């Protein structure tokens, strides 16, 4: 890519990020993005097929990194022996969420866009994707518990989904409320203490 193209693309990305953060995806204007980037609207289409493609360019990589790491951690946990899973589940959950906080604050604007400004794009379902991974992991763990001879309280699909959804809705409040990183870590530590105690009670641990 020529240097001029690189500079132009970067100006479009910066302008797009500002417009999306201010107005959200639905109400953001490509015309305004072009004007603030010092290019024509037509010039944007040389780099991005449409408004969503521009939004995607701003958020895709950090989001996929986070989803990929979360899936990896869950898969690694599932590969452990039942006794190991039981003994390290809180430790692994806490370490994973701490990594997620570090990652989110490294790419903060991208996650602000996804969490607060993505209505109208596929990223509006991002938190739900996290919830679905958590729900699957929960069911896998319940099966392990039963294989160990532990009696698991019956919980229907709706309850499991609600609990996972509440966890991640709460977790991403660190972005909604623009917490600084130090406060975010304190907040999430308290959140996890609450949820771990709740799950321990429900599972009789």
N, C-alpha and C. Protein backbone atom coordinates (compact mmCIF):
# COMPACT_ATOMS: atom_id res chain seq x y z
N UNK A 1 0.84 -1.19 0.00
CA UNK A 1 0.00 0.00 0.00
C UNK A 1 0.88 1.24 0.00
N UNK A 2 0.54 2.21 -0.85
CA UNK A 2 1.32 3.44 -0.91
C UNK A 2 1.16 4.21 0.40
N UNK A 3 2.17 5.05 0.67
CA UNK A 3 2.14 5.82 1.91
C UNK A 3 0.91 6.72 1.97
N UNK A 4 0.57 7.35 0.82
CA UNK A 4 -0.60 8.23 0.80
C UNK A 4 -1.87 7.46 1.14
N UNK A 5 -1.97 6.22 0.62
CA UNK A 5 -3.13 5.39 0.93
C UNK A 5 -3.19 5.05 2.41
N UNK A 6 -2.03 4.76 2.99
CA UNK A 6 -1.98 4.44 4.41
C UNK A 6 -2.43 5.62 5.25
N UNK A 7 -1.96 6.81 4.90
CA UNK A 7 -2.33 8.03 5.64
C UNK A 7 -3.82 8.29 5.50
N UNK A 8 -4.34 8.16 4.29
CA UNK A 8 -5.76 8.40 4.06
C UNK A 8 -6.61 7.40 4.84
N UNK A 9 -6.25 6.14 4.77
CA UNK A 9 -6.99 5.11 5.51
C UNK A 9 -6.99 5.41 7.01
N UNK A 10 -5.84 5.84 7.53
CA UNK A 10 -5.75 6.14 8.95
C UNK A 10 -6.64 7.32 9.33
N UNK A 11 -6.68 8.34 8.47
CA UNK A 11 -7.55 9.49 8.74
C UNK A 11 -9.02 9.06 8.75
N UNK A 12 -9.38 8.19 7.84
CA UNK A 12 -10.76 7.69 7.80
C UNK A 12 -11.08 6.90 9.07
N UNK A 13 -10.16 6.06 9.50
CA UNK A 13 -10.37 5.27 10.71
C UNK A 13 -10.54 6.16 11.94
N UNK A 14 -9.68 7.17 12.06
CA UNK A 14 -9.76 8.08 13.21
C UNK A 14 -11.09 8.84 13.19
N UNK A 15 -11.45 9.34 12.02
CA UNK A 15 -12.71 10.08 11.90
C UNK A 15 -13.90 9.17 12.16
N UNK A 16 -13.83 7.95 11.63
CA UNK A 16 -14.92 7.00 11.85
C UNK A 16 -15.08 6.65 13.31
N UNK A 17 -13.98 6.43 13.99
CA UNK A 17 -14.05 6.11 15.42
C UNK A 17 -14.72 7.24 16.19
N UNK A 18 -14.34 8.46 15.90
CA UNK A 18 -14.92 9.60 16.60
C UNK A 18 -16.41 9.72 16.34
N UNK A 19 -16.81 9.52 15.09
CA UNK A 19 -18.22 9.62 14.72
C UNK A 19 -19.04 8.50 15.36
N UNK A 20 -18.52 7.29 15.32
CA UNK A 20 -19.24 6.15 15.93
C UNK A 20 -19.36 6.31 17.44
N UNK A 21 -18.29 6.78 18.08
CA UNK A 21 -18.33 6.97 19.52
C UNK A 21 -19.34 8.05 19.91
N UNK A 22 -19.44 9.07 19.10
CA UNK A 22 -20.35 10.18 19.41
C UNK A 22 -21.80 9.82 19.14
N UNK A 23 -22.06 9.15 18.01
CA UNK A 23 -23.45 8.98 17.56
C UNK A 23 -23.93 7.53 17.55
N UNK A 24 -23.02 6.58 17.74
CA UNK A 24 -23.40 5.18 17.58
C UNK A 24 -23.43 4.82 16.11
N UNK A 25 -23.39 3.52 15.83
CA UNK A 25 -23.32 3.08 14.43
C UNK A 25 -24.52 3.54 13.62
N UNK A 26 -25.72 3.37 14.15
CA UNK A 26 -26.93 3.64 13.38
C UNK A 26 -26.99 5.08 12.91
N UNK A 27 -26.65 6.00 13.77
CA UNK A 27 -26.80 7.42 13.45
C UNK A 27 -25.52 8.06 12.90
N UNK A 28 -24.45 7.31 12.85
CA UNK A 28 -23.20 7.86 12.29
C UNK A 28 -23.37 8.10 10.79
N UNK A 29 -22.73 9.15 10.32
CA UNK A 29 -22.85 9.55 8.91
C UNK A 29 -21.52 9.39 8.18
N UNK A 30 -21.55 8.64 7.08
CA UNK A 30 -20.34 8.53 6.27
C UNK A 30 -19.94 9.88 5.70
N UNK A 31 -20.92 10.71 5.43
CA UNK A 31 -20.62 12.05 4.91
C UNK A 31 -19.82 12.85 5.93
N UNK A 32 -20.25 12.78 7.19
CA UNK A 32 -19.52 13.48 8.25
C UNK A 32 -18.13 12.88 8.44
N UNK A 33 -18.05 11.56 8.40
CA UNK A 33 -16.75 10.90 8.54
C UNK A 33 -15.81 11.35 7.44
N UNK A 34 -16.31 11.40 6.22
CA UNK A 34 -15.49 11.83 5.09
C UNK A 34 -15.04 13.28 5.26
N UNK A 35 -15.97 14.13 5.65
CA UNK A 35 -15.66 15.56 5.82
C UNK A 35 -14.56 15.74 6.87
N UNK A 36 -14.70 15.09 8.00
CA UNK A 36 -13.72 15.24 9.07
C UNK A 36 -12.38 14.59 8.74
N UNK A 37 -12.41 13.62 7.82
CA UNK A 37 -11.16 12.98 7.39
C UNK A 37 -10.50 13.74 6.24
N UNK A 38 -11.21 14.74 5.71
CA UNK A 38 -10.66 15.51 4.60
C UNK A 38 -10.68 14.78 3.28
N UNK A 39 -11.68 13.89 3.11
CA UNK A 39 -11.81 13.14 1.86
C UNK A 39 -13.27 13.21 1.41
N UNK A 40 -13.53 12.74 0.20
CA UNK A 40 -14.91 12.66 -0.28
C UNK A 40 -15.55 11.38 0.24
N UNK A 41 -16.88 11.38 0.25
CA UNK A 41 -17.58 10.16 0.65
C UNK A 41 -17.22 9.01 -0.27
N UNK A 42 -17.10 9.31 -1.56
CA UNK A 42 -16.72 8.29 -2.53
C UNK A 42 -15.37 7.68 -2.22
N UNK A 43 -14.46 8.48 -1.68
CA UNK A 43 -13.12 7.98 -1.36
C UNK A 43 -13.18 6.91 -0.27
N UNK A 44 -14.13 7.04 0.65
CA UNK A 44 -14.25 6.03 1.70
C UNK A 44 -14.53 4.66 1.10
N UNK A 45 -15.35 4.65 0.04
CA UNK A 45 -15.72 3.37 -0.58
C UNK A 45 -14.55 2.71 -1.31
N UNK A 46 -13.48 3.44 -1.53
CA UNK A 46 -12.28 2.83 -2.09
C UNK A 46 -11.60 1.92 -1.07
N UNK A 47 -11.87 2.19 0.21
CA UNK A 47 -11.23 1.43 1.29
C UNK A 47 -12.20 0.50 2.03
N UNK A 48 -13.46 0.92 2.12
CA UNK A 48 -14.44 0.16 2.89
C UNK A 48 -15.74 0.05 2.11
N UNK A 49 -16.26 -1.15 2.04
CA UNK A 49 -17.45 -1.41 1.22
C UNK A 49 -18.66 -0.62 1.69
N UNK A 50 -18.78 -0.45 3.00
CA UNK A 50 -19.93 0.26 3.56
C UNK A 50 -19.59 0.70 4.98
N UNK A 51 -20.57 1.29 5.64
CA UNK A 51 -20.34 1.81 6.99
C UNK A 51 -19.99 0.69 7.97
N UNK A 52 -20.63 -0.46 7.83
CA UNK A 52 -20.32 -1.56 8.75
C UNK A 52 -18.92 -2.10 8.54
N UNK A 53 -18.44 -2.09 7.30
CA UNK A 53 -17.07 -2.54 7.04
C UNK A 53 -16.07 -1.63 7.74
N UNK A 54 -16.36 -0.33 7.77
CA UNK A 54 -15.50 0.61 8.49
C UNK A 54 -15.55 0.33 9.99
N UNK A 55 -16.74 0.11 10.52
CA UNK A 55 -16.87 -0.23 11.94
C UNK A 55 -16.11 -1.51 12.25
N UNK A 56 -16.25 -2.49 11.39
CA UNK A 56 -15.57 -3.76 11.56
C UNK A 56 -14.06 -3.58 11.62
N UNK A 57 -13.53 -2.71 10.77
CA UNK A 57 -12.08 -2.47 10.75
C UNK A 57 -11.58 -1.92 12.08
N UNK A 58 -12.45 -1.23 12.80
CA UNK A 58 -12.06 -0.62 14.06
C UNK A 58 -12.11 -1.59 15.24
N UNK A 59 -12.89 -2.65 15.13
CA UNK A 59 -13.13 -3.49 16.31
C UNK A 59 -12.82 -4.98 16.13
N UNK A 60 -12.75 -5.46 14.90
CA UNK A 60 -12.73 -6.92 14.66
C UNK A 60 -11.58 -7.63 15.36
N UNK A 61 -10.37 -7.13 15.20
CA UNK A 61 -9.21 -7.85 15.73
C UNK A 61 -9.24 -7.97 17.25
N UNK A 62 -9.44 -6.86 18.00
CA UNK A 62 -9.49 -7.01 19.46
C UNK A 62 -10.62 -7.92 19.94
N UNK A 63 -11.77 -7.85 19.27
CA UNK A 63 -12.90 -8.68 19.67
C UNK A 63 -12.59 -10.16 19.44
N UNK A 64 -12.05 -10.48 18.28
CA UNK A 64 -11.74 -11.88 17.99
C UNK A 64 -10.64 -12.41 18.90
N UNK A 65 -9.69 -11.56 19.27
CA UNK A 65 -8.66 -11.97 20.21
C UNK A 65 -9.27 -12.34 21.56
N UNK A 66 -10.22 -11.52 22.02
CA UNK A 66 -10.84 -11.78 23.32
C UNK A 66 -11.69 -13.05 23.27
N UNK A 67 -12.51 -13.19 22.25
CA UNK A 67 -13.34 -14.38 22.13
C UNK A 67 -12.48 -15.64 22.00
N UNK A 68 -11.41 -15.54 21.23
CA UNK A 68 -10.53 -16.68 21.04
C UNK A 68 -9.85 -17.10 22.33
N UNK A 69 -9.40 -16.13 23.11
CA UNK A 69 -8.75 -16.46 24.37
C UNK A 69 -9.75 -17.04 25.37
N UNK A 70 -10.95 -16.49 25.38
CA UNK A 70 -11.96 -17.02 26.31
C UNK A 70 -12.32 -18.46 25.97
N UNK A 71 -12.47 -18.75 24.67
CA UNK A 71 -12.73 -20.14 24.26
C UNK A 71 -11.56 -21.04 24.62
N UNK A 72 -10.33 -20.54 24.42
CA UNK A 72 -9.15 -21.35 24.71
C UNK A 72 -9.10 -21.71 26.19
N UNK A 73 -9.36 -20.74 27.05
CA UNK A 73 -9.33 -20.99 28.49
C UNK A 73 -10.39 -22.01 28.88
N UNK A 74 -11.58 -21.87 28.31
CA UNK A 74 -12.65 -22.82 28.63
C UNK A 74 -12.30 -24.23 28.15
N UNK A 75 -11.71 -24.33 26.96
CA UNK A 75 -11.32 -25.65 26.43
C UNK A 75 -10.22 -26.27 27.28
N UNK A 76 -9.26 -25.44 27.70
CA UNK A 76 -8.16 -25.95 28.53
C UNK A 76 -8.69 -26.42 29.88
N UNK A 77 -9.64 -25.68 30.43
CA UNK A 77 -10.25 -26.08 31.70
C UNK A 77 -10.97 -27.41 31.55
N UNK A 78 -11.71 -27.56 30.45
CA UNK A 78 -12.48 -28.79 30.22
C UNK A 78 -11.58 -30.01 30.03
N UNK A 79 -10.33 -29.78 29.61
CA UNK A 79 -9.42 -30.89 29.38
C UNK A 79 -8.80 -31.43 30.67
N UNK A 80 -8.98 -30.71 31.78
CA UNK A 80 -8.42 -31.14 33.05
C UNK A 80 -9.25 -32.28 33.66
N UNK A 81 -8.64 -32.96 34.60
CA UNK A 81 -9.36 -34.02 35.31
C UNK A 81 -10.47 -33.40 36.16
N UNK A 82 -11.49 -34.18 36.50
CA UNK A 82 -12.57 -33.65 37.34
C UNK A 82 -12.07 -33.02 38.64
N UNK A 83 -11.14 -33.68 39.32
CA UNK A 83 -10.63 -33.13 40.58
C UNK A 83 -9.90 -31.81 40.36
N UNK A 84 -9.14 -31.73 39.27
CA UNK A 84 -8.44 -30.48 38.97
C UNK A 84 -9.43 -29.36 38.68
N UNK A 85 -10.46 -29.68 37.90
CA UNK A 85 -11.47 -28.66 37.59
C UNK A 85 -12.07 -28.09 38.87
N UNK A 86 -12.40 -28.97 39.78
CA UNK A 86 -13.03 -28.54 41.02
C UNK A 86 -12.10 -27.68 41.86
N UNK A 87 -10.81 -28.00 41.84
CA UNK A 87 -9.87 -27.30 42.71
C UNK A 87 -9.39 -25.97 42.14
N UNK A 88 -9.40 -25.82 40.82
CA UNK A 88 -8.82 -24.60 40.23
C UNK A 88 -9.84 -23.73 39.51
N UNK A 89 -11.12 -24.06 39.58
CA UNK A 89 -12.09 -23.33 38.76
C UNK A 89 -12.14 -21.84 39.09
N UNK A 90 -12.10 -21.48 40.37
CA UNK A 90 -12.14 -20.06 40.72
C UNK A 90 -10.85 -19.36 40.29
N UNK A 91 -9.73 -20.02 40.51
CA UNK A 91 -8.43 -19.44 40.14
C UNK A 91 -8.37 -19.16 38.64
N UNK A 92 -8.83 -20.11 37.83
CA UNK A 92 -8.78 -19.94 36.38
C UNK A 92 -9.74 -18.84 35.94
N UNK A 93 -10.93 -18.80 36.51
CA UNK A 93 -11.90 -17.76 36.17
C UNK A 93 -11.35 -16.38 36.47
N UNK A 94 -10.75 -16.23 37.64
CA UNK A 94 -10.22 -14.93 38.04
C UNK A 94 -9.06 -14.50 37.15
N UNK A 95 -8.17 -15.43 36.81
CA UNK A 95 -7.04 -15.11 35.94
C UNK A 95 -7.51 -14.73 34.55
N UNK A 96 -8.53 -15.44 34.06
CA UNK A 96 -9.06 -15.14 32.73
C UNK A 96 -9.68 -13.75 32.69
N UNK A 97 -10.47 -13.42 33.69
CA UNK A 97 -11.11 -12.10 33.70
C UNK A 97 -10.08 -10.99 33.88
N UNK A 98 -9.01 -11.26 34.62
CA UNK A 98 -7.95 -10.25 34.75
C UNK A 98 -7.28 -10.02 33.41
N UNK A 99 -7.03 -11.11 32.66
CA UNK A 99 -6.47 -10.95 31.31
C UNK A 99 -7.43 -10.16 30.43
N UNK A 100 -8.72 -10.44 30.55
CA UNK A 100 -9.70 -9.73 29.74
C UNK A 100 -9.69 -8.24 30.04
N UNK A 101 -9.57 -7.89 31.31
CA UNK A 101 -9.50 -6.47 31.67
C UNK A 101 -8.28 -5.82 31.03
N UNK A 102 -7.12 -6.46 31.14
CA UNK A 102 -5.91 -5.92 30.52
C UNK A 102 -6.10 -5.74 29.02
N UNK A 103 -6.70 -6.72 28.38
CA UNK A 103 -6.92 -6.66 26.94
C UNK A 103 -7.90 -5.55 26.58
N UNK A 104 -8.97 -5.44 27.32
CA UNK A 104 -9.96 -4.39 27.05
C UNK A 104 -9.34 -3.01 27.17
N UNK A 105 -8.52 -2.80 28.17
CA UNK A 105 -7.95 -1.47 28.36
C UNK A 105 -6.81 -1.19 27.38
N UNK A 106 -6.24 -2.23 26.81
CA UNK A 106 -5.26 -2.03 25.75
C UNK A 106 -5.94 -1.58 24.47
N UNK A 107 -7.17 -2.03 24.27
CA UNK A 107 -7.95 -1.67 23.06
C UNK A 107 -9.27 -1.03 23.49
N UNK A 108 -9.16 -0.05 24.38
CA UNK A 108 -10.36 0.45 25.04
C UNK A 108 -11.38 1.02 24.08
N UNK A 109 -10.94 1.84 23.13
CA UNK A 109 -11.89 2.46 22.21
C UNK A 109 -12.66 1.42 21.40
N UNK A 110 -11.98 0.35 21.01
CA UNK A 110 -12.66 -0.71 20.26
C UNK A 110 -13.77 -1.33 21.09
N UNK A 111 -13.51 -1.58 22.36
CA UNK A 111 -14.54 -2.20 23.19
C UNK A 111 -15.62 -1.20 23.60
N UNK A 112 -15.27 0.08 23.69
CA UNK A 112 -16.30 1.09 23.90
C UNK A 112 -17.26 1.11 22.72
N UNK A 113 -16.72 1.00 21.52
CA UNK A 113 -17.56 0.94 20.33
C UNK A 113 -18.47 -0.28 20.36
N UNK A 114 -17.91 -1.42 20.70
CA UNK A 114 -18.68 -2.67 20.68
C UNK A 114 -19.76 -2.67 21.76
N UNK A 115 -19.40 -2.28 22.96
CA UNK A 115 -20.33 -2.38 24.09
C UNK A 115 -21.40 -1.29 24.04
N UNK A 116 -21.04 -0.10 23.58
CA UNK A 116 -21.95 1.05 23.69
C UNK A 116 -22.48 1.58 22.36
N UNK A 117 -21.86 1.23 21.25
CA UNK A 117 -22.18 1.92 19.99
C UNK A 117 -22.47 0.98 18.83
N UNK A 118 -22.65 -0.31 19.09
CA UNK A 118 -22.67 -1.28 17.99
C UNK A 118 -24.06 -1.71 17.54
N UNK A 119 -25.11 -1.15 18.12
CA UNK A 119 -26.46 -1.49 17.66
C UNK A 119 -26.57 -1.28 16.16
N UNK A 120 -27.09 -2.29 15.46
CA UNK A 120 -27.17 -2.21 14.00
C UNK A 120 -26.07 -2.98 13.30
N UNK A 121 -25.12 -3.51 14.09
CA UNK A 121 -24.04 -4.34 13.54
C UNK A 121 -24.09 -5.72 14.19
N UNK A 122 -23.32 -6.64 13.65
CA UNK A 122 -23.28 -7.98 14.26
C UNK A 122 -22.63 -7.95 15.64
N UNK A 123 -21.89 -6.89 15.92
CA UNK A 123 -21.21 -6.81 17.22
C UNK A 123 -22.18 -6.50 18.36
N UNK A 124 -23.41 -6.16 18.02
CA UNK A 124 -24.41 -5.96 19.07
C UNK A 124 -24.65 -7.26 19.84
N UNK A 125 -24.30 -8.38 19.23
CA UNK A 125 -24.46 -9.69 19.88
C UNK A 125 -23.20 -10.16 20.58
N UNK A 126 -22.22 -9.28 20.73
CA UNK A 126 -20.93 -9.69 21.30
C UNK A 126 -21.07 -10.26 22.71
N UNK A 127 -21.76 -9.54 23.59
CA UNK A 127 -21.90 -10.03 24.97
C UNK A 127 -22.66 -11.35 24.99
N UNK A 128 -23.65 -11.48 24.11
CA UNK A 128 -24.39 -12.74 24.03
C UNK A 128 -23.48 -13.88 23.60
N UNK A 129 -22.49 -13.60 22.74
CA UNK A 129 -21.52 -14.64 22.37
C UNK A 129 -20.73 -15.11 23.59
N UNK A 130 -20.33 -14.15 24.43
CA UNK A 130 -19.62 -14.51 25.65
C UNK A 130 -20.52 -15.36 26.55
N UNK A 131 -21.77 -14.97 26.65
CA UNK A 131 -22.72 -15.70 27.48
C UNK A 131 -22.87 -17.14 27.00
N UNK A 132 -22.97 -17.32 25.69
CA UNK A 132 -23.15 -18.67 25.14
C UNK A 132 -21.95 -19.57 25.44
N UNK A 133 -20.75 -19.00 25.38
CA UNK A 133 -19.56 -19.78 25.72
C UNK A 133 -19.61 -20.19 27.19
N UNK A 134 -20.01 -19.25 28.05
CA UNK A 134 -20.09 -19.52 29.48
C UNK A 134 -21.16 -20.57 29.79
N UNK A 135 -22.29 -20.49 29.11
CA UNK A 135 -23.36 -21.46 29.33
C UNK A 135 -22.90 -22.87 28.96
N UNK A 136 -22.25 -23.01 27.81
CA UNK A 136 -21.75 -24.33 27.41
C UNK A 136 -20.76 -24.88 28.42
N UNK A 137 -19.88 -24.00 28.90
CA UNK A 137 -18.89 -24.41 29.89
C UNK A 137 -19.57 -24.84 31.19
N UNK A 138 -20.62 -24.13 31.56
CA UNK A 138 -21.35 -24.48 32.79
C UNK A 138 -21.95 -25.87 32.69
N UNK A 139 -22.58 -26.17 31.56
CA UNK A 139 -23.17 -27.50 31.38
C UNK A 139 -22.10 -28.59 31.42
N UNK A 140 -20.96 -28.32 30.80
CA UNK A 140 -19.87 -29.30 30.84
C UNK A 140 -19.43 -29.56 32.28
N UNK A 141 -19.36 -28.49 33.07
CA UNK A 141 -18.94 -28.64 34.46
C UNK A 141 -19.98 -29.40 35.27
N UNK A 142 -21.25 -29.14 35.01
CA UNK A 142 -22.31 -29.88 35.72
C UNK A 142 -22.18 -31.38 35.45
N UNK A 143 -21.88 -31.74 34.22
CA UNK A 143 -21.71 -33.16 33.88
C UNK A 143 -20.54 -33.77 34.65
N UNK A 144 -19.45 -33.00 34.75
CA UNK A 144 -18.29 -33.47 35.51
C UNK A 144 -18.67 -33.69 36.98
N UNK A 145 -19.42 -32.74 37.53
CA UNK A 145 -19.85 -32.87 38.93
C UNK A 145 -20.66 -34.14 39.14
N UNK A 146 -21.57 -34.41 38.21
CA UNK A 146 -22.41 -35.60 38.34
C UNK A 146 -21.59 -36.88 38.20
N UNK A 147 -20.59 -36.85 37.32
CA UNK A 147 -19.71 -38.01 37.16
C UNK A 147 -18.93 -38.29 38.44
N UNK A 148 -18.68 -37.23 39.22
CA UNK A 148 -17.96 -37.39 40.48
C UNK A 148 -18.90 -37.84 41.61
N UNK A 149 -20.17 -37.99 41.28
CA UNK A 149 -21.13 -38.43 42.28
C UNK A 149 -21.71 -37.31 43.11
N UNK A 150 -21.47 -36.05 42.70
CA UNK A 150 -22.02 -34.91 43.43
C UNK A 150 -23.41 -34.59 42.89
N UNK A 151 -24.32 -34.30 43.77
CA UNK A 151 -25.69 -33.99 43.37
C UNK A 151 -25.77 -32.52 42.98
N UNK A 152 -26.13 -32.26 41.72
CA UNK A 152 -26.24 -30.89 41.22
C UNK A 152 -27.70 -30.47 41.26
N UNK A 153 -27.97 -29.33 41.85
CA UNK A 153 -29.35 -28.83 41.91
C UNK A 153 -29.89 -28.66 40.49
N UNK A 154 -31.10 -29.13 40.22
CA UNK A 154 -31.67 -28.94 38.88
C UNK A 154 -31.81 -27.45 38.55
N UNK A 155 -31.30 -27.05 37.40
CA UNK A 155 -31.41 -25.67 36.94
C UNK A 155 -31.77 -25.71 35.46
N UNK A 156 -32.81 -24.98 35.08
CA UNK A 156 -33.24 -25.03 33.69
C UNK A 156 -32.39 -24.10 32.82
N UNK A 157 -32.59 -24.20 31.52
CA UNK A 157 -31.78 -23.43 30.57
C UNK A 157 -31.89 -21.94 30.81
N UNK A 158 -33.11 -21.48 31.12
CA UNK A 158 -33.31 -20.05 31.31
C UNK A 158 -32.50 -19.51 32.49
N UNK A 159 -32.47 -20.26 33.58
CA UNK A 159 -31.72 -19.80 34.75
C UNK A 159 -30.23 -19.74 34.46
N UNK A 160 -29.69 -20.78 33.82
CA UNK A 160 -28.26 -20.79 33.49
C UNK A 160 -27.93 -19.60 32.61
N UNK A 161 -28.78 -19.34 31.64
CA UNK A 161 -28.54 -18.21 30.73
C UNK A 161 -28.62 -16.88 31.47
N UNK A 162 -29.60 -16.74 32.36
CA UNK A 162 -29.74 -15.50 33.12
C UNK A 162 -28.51 -15.25 33.98
N UNK A 163 -28.01 -16.28 34.64
CA UNK A 163 -26.84 -16.11 35.51
C UNK A 163 -25.61 -15.71 34.70
N UNK A 164 -25.40 -16.36 33.55
CA UNK A 164 -24.25 -16.02 32.71
C UNK A 164 -24.41 -14.63 32.12
N UNK A 165 -25.62 -14.29 31.72
CA UNK A 165 -25.88 -12.97 31.15
C UNK A 165 -25.65 -11.87 32.19
N UNK A 166 -26.11 -12.12 33.41
CA UNK A 166 -25.91 -11.13 34.48
C UNK A 166 -24.43 -10.92 34.76
N UNK A 167 -23.65 -12.00 34.73
CA UNK A 167 -22.21 -11.89 34.96
C UNK A 167 -21.56 -10.98 33.93
N UNK A 168 -21.81 -11.23 32.65
CA UNK A 168 -21.12 -10.46 31.62
C UNK A 168 -21.71 -9.07 31.44
N UNK A 169 -22.99 -8.91 31.68
CA UNK A 169 -23.54 -7.56 31.67
C UNK A 169 -22.88 -6.73 32.77
N UNK A 170 -22.71 -7.34 33.93
CA UNK A 170 -22.03 -6.65 35.02
C UNK A 170 -20.58 -6.39 34.71
N UNK A 171 -19.90 -7.39 34.14
CA UNK A 171 -18.48 -7.23 33.82
C UNK A 171 -18.26 -6.05 32.88
N UNK A 172 -19.06 -5.93 31.84
CA UNK A 172 -18.82 -4.88 30.85
C UNK A 172 -19.32 -3.50 31.28
N UNK A 173 -19.86 -3.42 32.51
CA UNK A 173 -20.15 -2.10 33.07
C UNK A 173 -18.87 -1.29 33.25
N UNK A 174 -17.73 -1.97 33.33
CA UNK A 174 -16.47 -1.23 33.43
C UNK A 174 -16.26 -0.35 32.21
N UNK A 175 -16.78 -0.77 31.08
CA UNK A 175 -16.69 0.02 29.85
C UNK A 175 -17.82 1.03 29.77
N UNK A 176 -19.03 0.59 30.09
CA UNK A 176 -20.19 1.49 30.03
C UNK A 176 -19.94 2.73 30.87
N UNK A 177 -19.35 2.54 32.05
CA UNK A 177 -19.16 3.65 32.99
C UNK A 177 -17.76 4.26 32.93
N UNK A 178 -16.98 3.87 31.94
CA UNK A 178 -15.64 4.45 31.75
C UNK A 178 -14.80 4.41 33.02
N UNK A 179 -14.81 3.28 33.70
CA UNK A 179 -13.97 3.14 34.89
C UNK A 179 -12.50 3.14 34.49
N UNK A 180 -11.66 3.70 35.35
CA UNK A 180 -10.23 3.53 35.09
C UNK A 180 -9.86 2.09 35.39
N UNK A 181 -8.70 1.67 34.91
CA UNK A 181 -8.33 0.26 34.98
C UNK A 181 -8.22 -0.23 36.42
N UNK A 182 -7.67 0.58 37.30
CA UNK A 182 -7.52 0.16 38.70
C UNK A 182 -8.88 -0.09 39.34
N UNK A 183 -9.81 0.85 39.12
CA UNK A 183 -11.15 0.69 39.68
C UNK A 183 -11.85 -0.52 39.05
N UNK A 184 -11.63 -0.72 37.75
CA UNK A 184 -12.25 -1.86 37.06
C UNK A 184 -11.81 -3.18 37.69
N UNK A 185 -10.54 -3.29 38.00
CA UNK A 185 -10.05 -4.54 38.60
C UNK A 185 -10.64 -4.75 39.99
N UNK A 186 -10.79 -3.68 40.76
CA UNK A 186 -11.40 -3.80 42.08
C UNK A 186 -12.87 -4.21 41.94
N UNK A 187 -13.55 -3.59 41.00
CA UNK A 187 -14.97 -3.88 40.77
C UNK A 187 -15.17 -5.33 40.35
N UNK A 188 -14.37 -5.79 39.40
CA UNK A 188 -14.52 -7.16 38.90
C UNK A 188 -14.14 -8.18 39.98
N UNK A 189 -13.17 -7.86 40.82
CA UNK A 189 -12.82 -8.76 41.93
C UNK A 189 -14.01 -8.94 42.86
N UNK A 190 -14.71 -7.85 43.17
CA UNK A 190 -15.91 -7.94 44.02
C UNK A 190 -17.02 -8.70 43.30
N UNK A 191 -17.17 -8.43 42.01
CA UNK A 191 -18.19 -9.12 41.23
C UNK A 191 -17.95 -10.63 41.24
N UNK A 192 -16.70 -11.03 41.06
CA UNK A 192 -16.37 -12.46 41.05
C UNK A 192 -16.55 -13.09 42.42
N UNK A 193 -16.22 -12.34 43.47
CA UNK A 193 -16.42 -12.86 44.82
C UNK A 193 -17.90 -13.17 45.04
N UNK A 194 -18.74 -12.28 44.56
CA UNK A 194 -20.19 -12.46 44.68
C UNK A 194 -20.66 -13.68 43.88
N UNK A 195 -20.22 -13.78 42.63
CA UNK A 195 -20.68 -14.87 41.77
C UNK A 195 -20.12 -16.22 42.19
N UNK A 196 -18.87 -16.24 42.62
CA UNK A 196 -18.30 -17.51 43.08
C UNK A 196 -19.05 -18.03 44.30
N UNK A 197 -19.37 -17.13 45.23
CA UNK A 197 -20.12 -17.54 46.41
C UNK A 197 -21.50 -18.07 46.02
N UNK A 198 -22.12 -17.40 45.06
CA UNK A 198 -23.44 -17.84 44.61
C UNK A 198 -23.40 -19.20 43.95
N UNK A 199 -22.43 -19.40 43.06
CA UNK A 199 -22.32 -20.70 42.39
C UNK A 199 -21.96 -21.81 43.40
N UNK A 200 -21.08 -21.49 44.33
CA UNK A 200 -20.73 -22.49 45.34
C UNK A 200 -21.97 -22.92 46.13
N UNK A 201 -22.82 -21.94 46.43
CA UNK A 201 -24.06 -22.26 47.17
C UNK A 201 -25.00 -23.11 46.32
N UNK A 202 -25.17 -22.72 45.06
CA UNK A 202 -26.07 -23.46 44.18
C UNK A 202 -25.59 -24.90 43.94
N UNK A 203 -24.26 -25.05 43.85
CA UNK A 203 -23.69 -26.36 43.53
C UNK A 203 -23.35 -27.18 44.78
N UNK A 204 -23.53 -26.57 45.95
CA UNK A 204 -23.25 -27.29 47.18
C UNK A 204 -21.77 -27.55 47.40
N UNK A 205 -20.92 -26.61 46.99
CA UNK A 205 -19.47 -26.80 47.11
C UNK A 205 -18.95 -26.25 48.44
